[in-house]
């Protein structure tokens, strides 16, 4: 069984539902029951009451809204955006002979415990920033409202919003706050650099005194020993080793030449001095002529002895001529060499070409051996002197090396401290990261307050809800009757 109910006219299909007695009261009767249950849907006599109630409700809704829109002063909002670059910056400088200087500014977001955006949010809203901005604008501090700061999650953006009575005033206030913020930020960075520099001056002075003391010790040691560096000592040691090798080579060469000279002396049966004497005599033209004459008489004597007896006149004549020539040669030899006749008598004054070459070789070898011997003696004496001097300089060289190493360390520490002190001047974003203006303060083209559209939308919504409520009140009798009749229709 179904039934259809329409407002104004009631059309039933099937049996009419049973209506309780409480809803059969006359229409015009005013009572609490009628107020609760309502009247018939088609009763137009109820319309004036609903119209009056609607007008009263609308007045209660729109009167405050219109009053707010009429009396609230206009306010304009200017917005600006700041950004913190996310990457760090590094720089390195190598100075030959001095050291290395490097600086590195960490990213503003490397530390999970510190948020630079939160730090800057607090700094932008600090009282001294607002006081500085108010002084710049020439207004009282209470007239300058605090900025509205919004941080965008998962970004490094900072949105700043300032309000003012006019678009230009709002923009000027935003710009003044940003200028005061950047100025104060520069002041904080400079104060940090000055504090760091003052803290490092004492250490730098200590390093400087240490370097000066070590340099003075090195200068004193160099002046007393004449040793300028460890490299110089190493070069002298290398030269001494080379000299030692040279002396050993000369010793071997001298032994070889001495043995060769001794062997040749044994073969020739003479000494180098006598060999030189013979060569000098053979080089004399008069002596050579006398030797040739003596040789000729010696040949005649030998021929006469071959044919005659020892007492034969020819033999005696040839022998006398030979002796006369020999005495003349000895006298000439004594005159040339200055030796006595007895000493010359033991010499072989005649030398063949082959023997003359051997005698010349003997004299040359003696000269070479004498030269090598002299060189060996000189270098040996020098080697002994240099070895003794190096033994004396060895402790001084070790001390000098230690001092130079200490000086290098002190100088490196000193230069590093200076380089670090200077590099920190460029690392101005270590504690206060770099921040840039991403969006300049805007010039608003419409007031931000009062929000007319929002107020009108709220009034319209409230009015719509009032109408819906009045409509539900108009048809409440039919709805209640339908609800109360539903159990009887659903009963078995």
Protein backbone atom coordinates (compact mmCIF):
# COMPACT_ATOMS: atom_id res chain seq x y z
CA UNK A 1 0.00 0.00 0.00
CA UNK A 2 1.45 3.38 -1.01
CA UNK A 3 0.41 6.97 -0.53
CA UNK A 4 1.47 10.24 -2.20
CA UNK A 5 1.42 13.56 -0.35
CA UNK A 6 1.81 16.93 -2.16
CA UNK A 7 1.93 20.44 -0.62
CA UNK A 8 -1.26 22.50 -1.13
CA UNK A 9 -3.33 19.54 -2.39
CA UNK A 10 -3.33 16.18 -0.78
CA UNK A 11 -3.74 13.21 -3.05
CA UNK A 12 -4.05 9.78 -1.53
CA UNK A 13 -3.78 6.48 -3.25
CA UNK A 14 -5.42 3.70 -1.30
CA UNK A 15 -6.88 3.91 2.18
CA UNK A 16 -6.38 7.22 4.04
CA UNK A 17 -3.91 6.90 6.93
CA UNK A 18 -5.18 7.24 10.45
CA UNK A 19 -4.39 10.63 11.99
CA UNK A 20 -4.17 10.92 15.77
CA UNK A 21 -6.73 13.05 17.55
CA UNK A 22 -4.13 15.55 18.65
CA UNK A 23 -3.74 16.69 14.99
CA UNK A 24 -7.47 17.25 14.42
CA UNK A 25 -7.56 20.60 16.26
CA UNK A 26 -9.21 23.56 14.45
CA UNK A 27 -6.83 25.50 12.24
CA UNK A 28 -7.32 28.89 13.84
CA UNK A 29 -6.78 27.69 17.38
CA UNK A 30 -3.59 29.14 18.88
CA UNK A 31 -1.97 26.84 21.36
CA UNK A 32 1.36 25.22 22.11
CA UNK A 33 0.19 22.19 20.25
CA UNK A 34 -0.48 24.21 17.12
CA UNK A 35 2.89 26.00 17.48
CA UNK A 36 4.65 22.67 17.59
CA UNK A 37 2.66 20.74 14.99
CA UNK A 38 2.11 23.66 12.55
CA UNK A 39 -0.75 24.23 10.20
CA UNK A 40 -1.86 22.84 6.92
CA UNK A 41 0.46 23.20 4.01
CA UNK A 42 -2.10 25.02 1.88
CA UNK A 43 -3.13 27.47 4.64
CA UNK A 44 -2.03 30.87 3.26
CA UNK A 45 -3.16 32.58 6.42
CA UNK A 46 0.15 31.57 7.96
CA UNK A 47 2.08 33.57 5.37
CA UNK A 48 2.12 36.98 7.18
CA UNK A 49 3.65 35.41 10.29
CA UNK A 50 6.33 33.67 8.25
CA UNK A 51 7.00 36.87 6.30
CA UNK A 52 7.41 38.89 9.47
CA UNK A 53 9.67 36.23 10.95
CA UNK A 54 11.76 36.14 7.74
CA UNK A 55 12.14 39.94 7.71
CA UNK A 56 13.14 40.00 11.35
CA UNK A 57 15.66 37.21 10.84
CA UNK A 58 17.11 38.85 7.72
CA UNK A 59 17.45 42.14 9.58
CA UNK A 60 19.30 40.38 12.41
CA UNK A 61 21.64 38.82 9.84
CA UNK A 62 22.33 41.76 7.59
CA UNK A 63 22.37 44.63 10.06
CA UNK A 64 25.73 43.63 11.66
CA UNK A 65 27.21 42.82 8.27
CA UNK A 66 26.22 46.12 6.71
CA UNK A 67 27.34 47.98 9.82
CA UNK A 68 30.74 46.28 9.71
CA UNK A 69 31.19 47.03 6.00
CA UNK A 70 30.18 50.67 6.50
CA UNK A 71 32.23 51.44 9.60
CA UNK A 72 35.36 49.23 9.34
CA UNK A 73 38.41 51.16 8.00
CA UNK A 74 40.01 49.98 4.80
CA UNK A 75 43.23 48.00 5.18
CA UNK A 76 45.63 47.01 2.40
CA UNK A 77 48.13 44.13 2.50
CA UNK A 78 51.52 44.11 0.75
CA UNK A 79 53.32 40.78 0.38
CA UNK A 80 56.96 39.89 -0.23
CA UNK A 81 58.82 36.58 -0.46
CA UNK A 82 62.32 35.70 0.78
CA UNK A 83 64.32 32.62 -0.16
CA UNK A 84 67.33 30.92 1.41
CA UNK A 85 69.54 29.24 -1.23
CA UNK A 86 69.96 25.62 -0.30
CA UNK A 87 73.53 24.95 -1.46
CA UNK A 88 76.75 25.82 0.34
CA UNK A 89 79.75 27.67 -1.07
CA UNK A 90 83.41 26.64 -0.99
CA UNK A 91 86.62 28.39 -2.04
CA UNK A 92 90.27 27.32 -1.87
CA UNK A 93 93.46 29.29 -2.50
CA UNK A 94 96.95 27.76 -2.75
CA UNK A 95 99.93 30.08 -2.24
CA UNK A 96 103.27 28.52 -3.19
CA UNK A 97 105.72 28.66 -0.35
CA UNK A 98 103.13 30.03 2.04
CA UNK A 99 100.29 27.60 2.41
CA UNK A 100 96.67 27.00 1.60
CA UNK A 101 93.60 28.95 2.54
CA UNK A 102 90.12 27.58 2.14
CA UNK A 103 86.68 28.63 3.19
CA UNK A 104 83.41 26.73 3.14
CA UNK A 105 79.91 27.88 3.97
CA UNK A 106 77.62 25.01 4.84
CA UNK A 107 74.16 24.76 3.44
CA UNK A 108 71.56 26.48 5.55
CA UNK A 109 69.63 23.23 5.88
CA UNK A 110 72.38 20.73 6.80
CA UNK A 111 71.63 20.84 10.52
CA UNK A 112 68.43 19.02 11.49
CA UNK A 113 68.28 20.76 14.86
CA UNK A 114 68.38 24.35 13.60
CA UNK A 115 65.95 25.85 11.10
CA UNK A 116 67.23 29.07 9.51
CA UNK A 117 63.74 29.93 8.31
CA UNK A 118 62.45 29.83 11.88
CA UNK A 119 65.42 31.94 13.00
CA UNK A 120 64.76 34.54 10.34
CA UNK A 121 61.02 34.47 11.10
CA UNK A 122 61.79 35.44 14.68
CA UNK A 123 64.32 38.05 13.57
CA UNK A 124 61.92 39.71 11.12
CA UNK A 125 59.31 40.04 13.86
CA UNK A 126 61.82 41.29 16.46
CA UNK A 127 60.93 44.52 18.24
CA UNK A 128 64.12 46.32 17.18
CA UNK A 129 63.35 45.58 13.51
CA UNK A 130 59.90 47.11 13.86
CA UNK A 131 61.25 50.11 15.80
CA UNK A 132 63.85 50.75 13.09
CA UNK A 133 61.20 50.47 10.36
CA UNK A 134 58.86 52.84 12.23
CA UNK A 135 61.65 55.41 12.64
CA UNK A 136 62.42 55.17 8.93
CA UNK A 137 58.75 55.69 8.04
CA UNK A 138 58.36 58.51 10.56
CA UNK A 139 55.45 56.93 12.42
CA UNK A 140 54.89 55.76 15.96
CA UNK A 141 55.78 52.20 16.80
CA UNK A 142 52.17 51.23 17.85
CA UNK A 143 50.92 52.44 14.45
CA UNK A 144 53.08 49.86 12.72
CA UNK A 145 51.44 46.49 13.01
CA UNK A 146 53.65 43.45 13.28
CA UNK A 147 54.30 41.50 10.08
CA UNK A 148 52.45 38.34 9.30
CA UNK A 149 55.07 35.72 8.45
CA UNK A 150 54.27 32.43 6.77
CA UNK A 151 56.76 29.57 6.26
CA UNK A 152 56.08 27.23 3.39
CA UNK A 153 56.62 23.60 4.39
CA UNK A 154 59.32 21.63 2.59
CA UNK A 155 60.71 24.81 1.05
CA UNK A 156 63.06 27.61 2.01
CA UNK A 157 60.51 30.32 1.31
CA UNK A 158 59.45 32.99 3.79
CA UNK A 159 56.34 35.03 3.00
CA UNK A 160 56.08 38.43 4.72
CA UNK A 161 52.85 40.41 4.78
CA UNK A 162 52.33 43.94 6.14
CA UNK A 163 49.12 45.97 6.30
CA UNK A 164 48.61 49.69 5.84
CA UNK A 165 45.86 52.26 5.39
CA UNK A 166 46.70 52.66 1.70
CA UNK A 167 48.39 50.57 -1.00
CA UNK A 168 51.50 52.78 -1.00
CA UNK A 169 51.69 52.78 2.78
CA UNK A 170 51.45 48.98 2.93
CA UNK A 171 54.17 48.60 0.30
CA UNK A 172 56.38 51.18 2.07
CA UNK A 173 55.98 49.42 5.40
CA UNK A 174 56.95 46.07 3.91
CA UNK A 175 60.00 47.57 2.25
CA UNK A 176 61.01 49.32 5.49
CA UNK A 177 60.75 46.09 7.47
CA UNK A 178 62.85 44.21 4.90
CA UNK A 179 65.49 46.94 4.86
CA UNK A 180 65.66 46.93 8.63
CA UNK A 181 65.91 43.13 8.59
CA UNK A 182 68.79 43.06 6.09
CA UNK A 183 70.58 45.89 7.89
CA UNK A 184 70.34 44.12 11.22
CA UNK A 185 71.44 40.87 9.58
CA UNK A 186 74.56 42.58 8.22
CA UNK A 187 75.24 44.01 11.68
CA UNK A 188 75.01 40.55 13.23
CA UNK A 189 77.36 39.07 10.63
CA UNK A 190 79.91 41.87 11.09
CA UNK A 191 79.76 41.53 14.86
CA UNK A 192 80.41 37.80 14.50
CA UNK A 193 83.45 38.42 12.29
CA UNK A 194 84.86 41.00 14.70
CA UNK A 195 84.37 38.64 17.64
CA UNK A 196 86.11 35.79 15.80
CA UNK A 197 88.97 38.03 14.72
CA UNK A 198 89.51 39.38 18.24
CA UNK A 199 89.47 35.85 19.59
CA UNK A 200 92.21 34.74 17.15
CA UNK A 201 94.59 37.67 17.63
CA UNK A 202 96.14 36.25 20.81
CA UNK A 203 96.85 32.89 19.16
CA UNK A 204 98.36 34.59 16.11
CA UNK A 205 100.71 36.64 18.32
CA UNK A 206 101.88 33.48 20.09
CA UNK A 207 102.51 31.79 16.74
CA UNK A 208 104.44 34.84 15.57
CA UNK A 209 106.73 34.82 18.63
CA UNK A 210 107.36 31.09 18.20
CA UNK A 211 108.34 31.58 14.55
CA UNK A 212 110.69 34.47 15.43
CA UNK A 213 112.40 32.48 18.22
CA UNK A 214 112.97 29.46 15.97
CA UNK A 215 114.32 31.66 13.17
CA UNK A 216 116.80 33.29 15.58
CA UNK A 217 118.05 29.88 16.76
CA UNK A 218 118.61 28.84 13.15
CA UNK A 219 120.51 32.07 12.41
CA UNK A 220 122.77 31.58 15.45
CA UNK A 221 123.56 27.99 14.49
CA UNK A 222 124.30 28.96 10.88
CA UNK A 223 126.62 31.75 12.00
CA UNK A 224 128.59 29.48 14.36
CA UNK A 225 128.97 26.50 12.00
CA UNK A 226 128.78 28.05 8.53
CA UNK A 227 126.21 25.40 7.66
CA UNK A 228 123.23 27.02 5.98
CA UNK A 229 120.93 24.06 5.51
CA UNK A 230 120.62 20.32 5.78
CA UNK A 231 120.79 20.20 1.99
CA UNK A 232 124.20 21.83 2.07
CA UNK A 233 125.44 19.19 4.53
CA UNK A 234 123.99 16.42 2.37
CA UNK A 235 125.74 17.90 -0.67
CA UNK A 236 129.04 17.97 1.24
CA UNK A 237 128.56 14.36 2.30
CA UNK A 238 127.86 13.40 -1.31
CA UNK A 239 130.97 15.31 -2.45
CA UNK A 240 133.02 13.56 0.25
CA UNK A 241 131.77 10.18 -0.95
CA UNK A 242 132.69 11.11 -4.50
CA UNK A 243 136.14 12.22 -3.32
CA UNK A 244 136.59 8.96 -1.45
CA UNK A 245 135.76 7.00 -4.60
CA UNK A 246 138.19 9.16 -6.60
CA UNK A 247 140.97 8.52 -4.08
CA UNK A 248 140.36 4.79 -4.27
CA UNK A 249 140.49 4.90 -8.07
CA UNK A 250 143.73 6.93 -7.97
CA UNK A 251 145.24 4.47 -5.51
CA UNK A 252 144.50 1.60 -7.87
CA UNK A 253 145.84 3.55 -10.84
CA UNK A 254 148.99 4.49 -8.91
CA UNK A 255 149.62 0.84 -8.01
CA UNK A 256 149.19 -0.17 -11.64
CA UNK A 257 151.57 2.50 -12.95
CA UNK A 258 154.13 1.80 -10.24
CA UNK A 259 154.16 -1.91 -11.07
CA UNK A 260 154.46 -1.21 -14.81
CA UNK A 261 157.34 1.20 -14.17
CA UNK A 262 159.14 -1.34 -11.97
CA UNK A 263 158.81 -4.05 -14.58
CA UNK A 264 160.16 -1.82 -17.37
CA UNK A 265 163.08 -0.77 -15.18
CA UNK A 266 163.99 -4.39 -14.66
CA UNK A 267 163.83 -5.06 -18.38
CA UNK A 268 165.99 -2.05 -19.34
CA UNK A 269 168.29 -2.36 -16.32
CA UNK A 270 168.26 1.35 -15.69
CA UNK A 271 166.37 3.97 -13.84
CA UNK A 272 164.10 6.62 -15.31
CA UNK A 273 166.65 9.32 -14.39
CA UNK A 274 169.44 7.55 -16.26
CA UNK A 275 167.11 6.84 -19.17
CA UNK A 276 166.36 10.56 -19.35
CA UNK A 277 170.09 11.29 -19.28
CA UNK A 278 170.71 8.91 -22.19
CA UNK A 279 167.86 10.47 -24.17
CA UNK A 280 169.22 13.94 -23.52
CA UNK A 281 172.70 12.88 -24.67
CA UNK A 282 171.35 11.29 -27.82
CA UNK A 283 169.54 14.50 -28.55
CA UNK A 284 172.87 16.44 -28.45
CA UNK A 285 174.35 16.78 -31.98
CA UNK A 286 178.05 16.91 -30.90
CA UNK A 287 177.62 13.89 -28.66
CA UNK A 288 175.85 12.08 -31.47
CA UNK A 289 178.75 12.86 -33.82
CA UNK A 290 181.27 11.61 -31.24
CA UNK A 291 179.21 8.48 -30.69
CA UNK A 292 179.15 7.82 -34.41
CA UNK A 293 182.94 8.36 -34.58
CA UNK A 294 183.43 6.08 -31.58
CA UNK A 295 181.24 3.49 -33.23
CA UNK A 296 183.30 3.72 -36.41
CA UNK A 297 186.57 3.24 -34.50
CA UNK A 298 185.02 0.39 -32.60
CA UNK A 299 184.18 -1.29 -35.87
CA UNK A 300 187.76 -0.81 -37.14
CA UNK A 301 189.13 -2.18 -33.88
CA UNK A 302 186.94 -5.24 -34.14
CA UNK A 303 188.01 -5.80 -37.74
CA UNK A 304 191.73 -5.40 -36.89
CA UNK A 305 191.39 -7.85 -34.00
CA UNK A 306 189.82 -10.28 -36.41
CA UNK A 307 192.88 -10.17 -38.71
CA UNK A 308 195.78 -9.40 -36.40
CA UNK A 309 196.98 -10.19 -33.01
CA UNK A 310 196.57 -7.95 -29.96
CA UNK A 311 200.03 -6.41 -30.37
CA UNK A 312 199.70 -5.71 -34.03
CA UNK A 313 200.17 -2.03 -34.97
CA UNK A 314 196.82 -1.92 -36.72
CA UNK A 315 195.09 -3.22 -33.65
CA UNK A 316 196.95 -0.78 -31.41
CA UNK A 317 196.15 2.14 -33.73
CA UNK A 318 192.47 1.22 -33.94
CA UNK A 319 192.33 0.77 -30.17
CA UNK A 320 194.00 4.13 -29.56
CA UNK A 321 191.59 5.85 -31.94
CA UNK A 322 188.62 4.17 -30.19
CA UNK A 323 189.79 5.26 -26.75
CA UNK A 324 190.37 8.80 -27.95
CA UNK A 325 186.85 8.96 -29.43
CA UNK A 326 185.38 7.41 -26.29
CA UNK A 327 187.13 9.92 -24.03
CA UNK A 328 185.83 12.70 -26.20
CA UNK A 329 182.28 11.30 -25.97
CA UNK A 330 182.55 10.97 -22.18
CA UNK A 331 183.83 14.51 -21.86
CA UNK A 332 180.96 15.78 -24.00
CA UNK A 333 178.49 13.68 -21.99
CA UNK A 334 179.88 15.03 -18.72
CA UNK A 335 179.61 18.54 -20.10
CA UNK A 336 175.97 17.98 -21.13
CA UNK A 337 174.72 16.01 -18.13
CA UNK A 338 177.03 17.25 -15.37
CA UNK A 339 177.79 13.64 -14.33
CA UNK A 340 181.23 12.36 -13.53
CA UNK A 341 183.15 10.23 -15.96
CA UNK A 342 182.93 7.24 -13.61
CA UNK A 343 179.12 7.48 -13.54
CA UNK A 344 178.95 7.90 -17.28
CA UNK A 345 181.22 4.89 -17.76
CA UNK A 346 178.46 2.66 -16.38
CA UNK A 347 175.94 3.95 -18.91
CA UNK A 348 175.16 2.52 -22.26
CA UNK A 349 175.69 5.77 -24.09
CA UNK A 350 174.65 4.30 -27.38
CA UNK A 351 170.96 3.56 -27.80
CA UNK A 352 169.30 1.97 -30.75
CA UNK A 353 166.00 3.27 -32.02
CA UNK A 354 164.03 0.51 -30.27
CA UNK A 355 165.89 1.02 -27.00
CA UNK A 356 165.41 4.76 -27.30
CA UNK A 357 161.65 4.19 -27.55
CA UNK A 358 161.68 2.03 -24.44
CA UNK A 359 163.72 4.60 -22.57
CA UNK A 360 161.27 7.28 -23.62
CA UNK A 361 158.38 5.08 -22.45
CA UNK A 362 160.15 4.58 -19.12
CA UNK A 363 160.56 8.32 -18.69
CA UNK A 364 156.89 8.94 -19.63
CA UNK A 365 155.62 6.30 -17.24
CA UNK A 366 157.71 7.80 -14.47
CA UNK A 367 156.18 11.22 -15.15
CA UNK A 368 152.64 9.82 -15.17
CA UNK A 369 153.25 7.86 -11.99
CA UNK A 370 154.63 10.98 -10.33
CA UNK A 371 151.55 12.95 -11.38
CA UNK A 372 149.15 10.29 -10.14
CA UNK A 373 151.10 9.99 -6.90
CA UNK A 374 150.92 13.74 -6.33
CA UNK A 375 147.21 13.82 -7.09
CA UNK A 376 146.63 10.86 -4.81
CA UNK A 377 148.51 12.48 -1.96
CA UNK A 378 146.67 15.78 -2.38
CA UNK A 379 143.19 14.22 -2.58
CA UNK A 380 143.97 11.86 0.29
CA UNK A 381 144.87 14.82 2.48
CA UNK A 382 141.74 16.63 1.39
CA UNK A 383 139.60 13.54 2.06
CA UNK A 384 141.00 13.27 5.57
CA UNK A 385 140.30 16.94 6.21
CA UNK A 386 136.76 16.80 4.81
CA UNK A 387 135.93 13.62 6.73
CA UNK A 388 137.09 15.21 9.97
CA UNK A 389 135.09 18.37 9.28
CA UNK A 390 131.92 16.41 8.43
CA UNK A 391 132.20 14.47 11.69
CA UNK A 392 132.26 17.78 13.51
CA UNK A 393 129.33 19.20 11.48
CA UNK A 394 127.16 16.11 11.75
CA UNK A 395 125.56 17.01 15.14
CA UNK A 396 125.14 20.61 13.98
CA UNK A 397 123.41 19.41 10.80
CA UNK A 398 121.03 17.25 12.81
CA UNK A 399 120.28 20.18 15.12
CA UNK A 400 119.79 22.48 12.14
CA UNK A 401 117.40 19.98 10.55
CA UNK A 402 115.34 19.83 13.74
CA UNK A 403 115.24 23.61 13.97
CA UNK A 404 114.23 23.98 10.33
CA UNK A 405 111.49 21.39 10.78
CA UNK A 406 110.25 23.21 13.86
CA UNK A 407 110.40 26.45 11.90
CA UNK A 408 108.43 24.93 9.02
CA UNK A 409 105.78 23.65 11.41
CA UNK A 410 105.60 26.96 13.27
CA UNK A 411 105.45 28.90 10.02
CA UNK A 412 102.77 26.60 8.63
CA UNK A 413 100.70 27.00 11.78
CA UNK A 414 101.25 30.75 11.71
CA UNK A 415 100.33 31.17 8.05
CA UNK A 416 97.37 28.82 8.45
CA UNK A 417 96.12 30.88 11.38
CA UNK A 418 96.44 34.08 9.35
CA UNK A 419 94.81 32.46 6.31
CA UNK A 420 92.03 31.09 8.47
CA UNK A 421 91.55 34.50 10.08
CA UNK A 422 91.36 36.14 6.66
CA UNK A 423 89.17 33.47 5.09
CA UNK A 424 86.59 33.83 7.83
CA UNK A 425 86.05 37.40 6.64
CA UNK A 426 84.68 36.04 3.39
CA UNK A 427 82.71 33.28 5.11
CA UNK A 428 80.02 35.67 6.30
CA UNK A 429 77.22 33.15 5.86
CA UNK A 430 78.50 30.57 8.35
CA UNK A 431 76.09 31.44 11.18
CA UNK A 432 73.58 33.57 9.27
CA UNK A 433 72.82 31.92 5.90
CA UNK A 434 72.35 33.88 2.72
CA UNK A 435 68.83 35.19 2.18
CA UNK A 436 67.53 36.89 -0.95
CA UNK A 437 64.38 38.72 -1.92
CA UNK A 438 62.52 36.41 -4.24
CA UNK A 439 59.47 38.66 -4.66
CA UNK A 440 59.55 42.39 -4.04
CA UNK A 441 56.83 43.96 -1.88
CA UNK A 442 53.65 44.07 -3.91
CA UNK A 443 51.41 47.10 -4.46
CA UNK A 444 47.89 45.92 -3.54
CA UNK A 445 45.09 46.87 -5.92
CA UNK A 446 42.23 46.04 -3.54
CA UNK A 447 41.78 46.28 0.23
CA UNK A 448 42.38 43.14 2.22
CA UNK A 449 40.05 44.23 5.02
CA UNK A 450 37.11 44.40 5.36
CA UNK A 451 36.52 41.38 3.15
CA UNK A 452 33.30 42.43 1.43
CA UNK A 453 32.84 39.31 -0.63
CA UNK A 454 33.36 37.08 2.38
CA UNK A 455 30.88 39.12 4.45
CA UNK A 456 28.30 39.08 1.65
CA UNK A 457 28.80 35.36 1.15
CA UNK A 458 28.33 34.78 4.89
CA UNK A 459 25.15 36.91 4.90
CA UNK A 460 23.81 35.12 1.86
CA UNK A 461 24.53 31.75 3.44
CA UNK A 462 22.83 32.72 6.67
CA UNK A 463 19.82 34.04 4.74
CA UNK A 464 19.63 30.80 2.76
CA UNK A 465 19.70 28.77 5.92
CA UNK A 466 16.92 30.99 7.39
CA UNK A 467 14.75 30.34 4.31
CA UNK A 468 15.38 26.62 4.51
CA UNK A 469 14.40 26.65 8.17
CA UNK A 470 11.20 28.59 7.43
CA UNK A 471 10.32 26.18 4.63
CA UNK A 472 10.80 23.22 6.93
CA UNK A 473 8.60 24.98 9.52
CA UNK A 474 5.89 25.54 6.89
CA UNK A 475 5.63 21.84 5.98
CA UNK A 476 6.39 20.40 9.42
CA UNK A 477 2.79 19.23 10.01
CA UNK A 478 2.75 17.03 6.92
CA UNK A 479 6.22 15.70 7.76
CA UNK A 480 5.28 14.90 11.33
CA UNK A 481 2.03 13.22 10.23
CA UNK A 482 3.95 11.14 7.72
CA UNK A 483 6.47 10.07 10.34
CA UNK A 484 3.77 9.16 12.87
CA UNK A 485 1.74 7.22 10.28
CA UNK A 486 4.72 5.11 9.14
CA UNK A 487 4.56 2.55 12.02
CA UNK A 488 0.86 1.72 11.28
CA UNK A 489 1.62 1.14 7.60
CA UNK A 490 4.58 -1.04 8.43
CA UNK A 491 2.61 -3.12 11.00
CA UNK A 492 1.65 -6.65 9.84
